[in-house]
Structure formats: structure tokens, C-alpha cells
N, C-alpha and C. Protein backbone atom coordinates (compact mmCIF):
# COMPACT_ATOMS: atom_id res chain seq x y z
N MET A 1 -20.90 -38.33 -23.31
CA MET A 1 -20.92 -36.91 -23.57
C MET A 1 -21.87 -36.21 -22.64
N ALA A 2 -21.50 -35.02 -22.28
CA ALA A 2 -22.34 -34.19 -21.42
C ALA A 2 -23.45 -33.55 -22.20
N LYS A 3 -24.61 -33.48 -21.64
CA LYS A 3 -25.72 -32.80 -22.31
C LYS A 3 -25.64 -31.28 -22.05
N GLY A 4 -26.08 -30.53 -22.99
CA GLY A 4 -26.11 -29.04 -22.85
C GLY A 4 -27.21 -28.63 -21.88
N LYS A 5 -27.01 -27.45 -21.33
CA LYS A 5 -28.05 -26.93 -20.42
C LYS A 5 -29.24 -26.44 -21.22
N LYS A 6 -30.40 -26.57 -20.62
CA LYS A 6 -31.65 -26.09 -21.24
C LYS A 6 -31.67 -24.55 -21.10
N LYS A 7 -32.17 -23.87 -22.12
CA LYS A 7 -32.24 -22.45 -22.07
C LYS A 7 -33.52 -22.06 -21.32
N LEU A 8 -33.40 -21.13 -20.38
CA LEU A 8 -34.54 -20.64 -19.64
C LEU A 8 -34.74 -19.20 -19.98
N GLU A 9 -35.99 -18.77 -20.01
CA GLU A 9 -36.30 -17.35 -20.30
C GLU A 9 -37.04 -16.76 -19.12
N VAL A 10 -36.87 -15.48 -18.88
CA VAL A 10 -37.57 -14.78 -17.78
C VAL A 10 -38.93 -14.32 -18.34
N VAL A 11 -40.00 -14.69 -17.64
CA VAL A 11 -41.36 -14.34 -18.06
C VAL A 11 -42.04 -13.64 -16.91
N HIS A 12 -42.83 -12.64 -17.24
CA HIS A 12 -43.61 -11.90 -16.22
C HIS A 12 -45.06 -12.22 -16.39
N LEU A 13 -45.74 -12.35 -15.26
CA LEU A 13 -47.21 -12.55 -15.29
C LEU A 13 -47.86 -11.20 -14.96
N VAL A 14 -48.72 -10.73 -15.93
CA VAL A 14 -49.34 -9.44 -15.84
C VAL A 14 -50.84 -9.64 -15.61
N CYS A 15 -51.36 -8.89 -14.65
CA CYS A 15 -52.80 -8.92 -14.34
C CYS A 15 -53.56 -8.34 -15.51
N GLU A 16 -54.61 -9.06 -15.99
CA GLU A 16 -55.37 -8.59 -17.10
C GLU A 16 -56.32 -7.45 -16.77
N GLU A 17 -56.66 -7.31 -15.52
CA GLU A 17 -57.60 -6.24 -15.10
C GLU A 17 -56.91 -4.93 -14.79
N THR A 18 -55.78 -4.99 -14.08
CA THR A 18 -55.09 -3.74 -13.70
C THR A 18 -53.85 -3.48 -14.57
N GLY A 19 -53.29 -4.47 -15.21
CA GLY A 19 -52.05 -4.29 -15.97
C GLY A 19 -50.81 -4.31 -15.14
N ASP A 20 -50.93 -4.66 -13.86
CA ASP A 20 -49.77 -4.70 -12.97
C ASP A 20 -48.97 -5.98 -13.22
N GLN A 21 -47.65 -5.85 -13.11
CA GLN A 21 -46.77 -7.00 -13.25
C GLN A 21 -46.49 -7.53 -11.85
N ASN A 22 -47.16 -8.62 -11.48
CA ASN A 22 -47.13 -9.08 -10.09
C ASN A 22 -46.16 -10.24 -9.83
N TYR A 23 -45.92 -11.07 -10.86
CA TYR A 23 -45.10 -12.27 -10.70
C TYR A 23 -44.06 -12.39 -11.79
N THR A 24 -42.94 -12.97 -11.44
CA THR A 24 -41.87 -13.26 -12.35
C THR A 24 -41.45 -14.71 -12.17
N LEU A 25 -41.22 -15.42 -13.33
CA LEU A 25 -40.76 -16.80 -13.26
C LEU A 25 -39.88 -17.10 -14.42
N ARG A 26 -39.09 -18.20 -14.28
CA ARG A 26 -38.21 -18.66 -15.32
C ARG A 26 -38.76 -19.96 -15.84
N ARG A 27 -38.86 -20.07 -17.17
CA ARG A 27 -39.38 -21.28 -17.77
C ARG A 27 -38.65 -21.57 -19.06
N LYS A 28 -38.80 -22.82 -19.55
CA LYS A 28 -38.17 -23.22 -20.78
C LYS A 28 -38.74 -22.43 -21.97
N THR A 29 -37.90 -22.24 -22.97
CA THR A 29 -38.34 -21.49 -24.14
C THR A 29 -39.35 -22.33 -24.92
N GLY A 30 -40.22 -21.68 -25.68
CA GLY A 30 -41.19 -22.38 -26.50
C GLY A 30 -42.43 -22.69 -25.72
N GLY A 31 -43.35 -23.41 -26.30
CA GLY A 31 -44.58 -23.74 -25.66
C GLY A 31 -45.63 -22.65 -25.79
N GLU A 32 -46.79 -22.89 -25.23
CA GLU A 32 -47.83 -21.91 -25.34
C GLU A 32 -47.80 -20.93 -24.19
N LYS A 33 -48.42 -19.77 -24.35
CA LYS A 33 -48.44 -18.74 -23.31
C LYS A 33 -49.27 -19.18 -22.12
N LEU A 34 -48.81 -18.79 -20.94
CA LEU A 34 -49.53 -19.13 -19.72
C LEU A 34 -50.64 -18.16 -19.44
N LYS A 35 -51.75 -18.67 -18.92
CA LYS A 35 -52.83 -17.86 -18.37
C LYS A 35 -53.23 -18.54 -17.08
N VAL A 36 -52.97 -17.88 -15.96
CA VAL A 36 -53.14 -18.53 -14.66
C VAL A 36 -53.89 -17.57 -13.74
N LYS A 37 -54.76 -18.12 -12.86
CA LYS A 37 -55.38 -17.30 -11.85
C LYS A 37 -54.43 -17.14 -10.69
N LYS A 38 -54.04 -15.89 -10.39
CA LYS A 38 -53.10 -15.58 -9.31
C LYS A 38 -53.71 -14.41 -8.50
N TYR A 39 -53.12 -14.21 -7.33
CA TYR A 39 -53.61 -13.14 -6.45
C TYR A 39 -53.09 -11.80 -6.88
N SER A 40 -54.01 -10.82 -6.94
CA SER A 40 -53.66 -9.41 -7.27
C SER A 40 -53.72 -8.59 -6.03
N PRO A 41 -52.60 -8.07 -5.54
CA PRO A 41 -52.60 -7.32 -4.28
C PRO A 41 -53.40 -5.99 -4.38
N ARG A 42 -53.41 -5.39 -5.54
CA ARG A 42 -54.18 -4.14 -5.68
C ARG A 42 -55.68 -4.35 -5.56
N LEU A 43 -56.18 -5.42 -6.15
CA LEU A 43 -57.60 -5.71 -6.13
C LEU A 43 -58.01 -6.59 -4.91
N ARG A 44 -56.98 -7.19 -4.27
CA ARG A 44 -57.16 -8.08 -3.12
C ARG A 44 -58.07 -9.23 -3.43
N ARG A 45 -57.89 -9.83 -4.61
CA ARG A 45 -58.63 -11.04 -4.99
C ARG A 45 -57.85 -11.72 -6.12
N HIS A 46 -58.26 -12.95 -6.47
CA HIS A 46 -57.61 -13.70 -7.54
C HIS A 46 -58.15 -13.25 -8.87
N THR A 47 -57.26 -12.96 -9.81
CA THR A 47 -57.61 -12.55 -11.16
C THR A 47 -56.80 -13.35 -12.17
N LEU A 48 -57.13 -13.24 -13.44
CA LEU A 48 -56.40 -13.93 -14.48
C LEU A 48 -55.14 -13.16 -14.82
N HIS A 49 -53.99 -13.87 -14.84
CA HIS A 49 -52.71 -13.27 -15.21
C HIS A 49 -52.21 -13.92 -16.46
N ALA A 50 -51.68 -13.17 -17.40
CA ALA A 50 -51.18 -13.64 -18.67
C ALA A 50 -49.68 -13.45 -18.75
N GLU A 51 -49.01 -14.28 -19.50
CA GLU A 51 -47.60 -14.24 -19.69
C GLU A 51 -47.20 -13.08 -20.60
N LYS A 52 -46.10 -12.37 -20.20
CA LYS A 52 -45.57 -11.34 -21.06
C LYS A 52 -44.10 -11.42 -20.94
N LYS A 53 -43.39 -11.47 -22.06
CA LYS A 53 -41.91 -11.48 -22.04
C LYS A 53 -41.37 -10.13 -21.72
N LYS A 54 -40.19 -10.07 -21.15
CA LYS A 54 -39.59 -8.79 -20.76
C LYS A 54 -39.15 -7.99 -21.91
């Protein structure tokens, strides 16, 4: 039997300092929210980005 496809959701990474939505990614549903240090073009440095669903 063929296995079903895994469901992916679109998630946006939002800068916690400016509130800008800088990155978009697709990941499996469920799990804990991401908090990753990514580059913020407005501030021109790495800041903490948190996951926000669309």
C-alpha cells in the first residue's frame, strides 16, 4: 500500500524587534514553535525571529 503524503503548513518567521515578516518556510504540522536567530535587513544584524502562522 502507498503511504499518504505528509501535510505541510506555511509558516512565517517574524522579527521580534521590528515585527517584519522576513522569512517563509514550509514545515510539518505540529511540534513546538520555532525561535531562530536570522538576519534582519532593516536592522542589518541578526535578531531573534519567531514562528507565526499565516
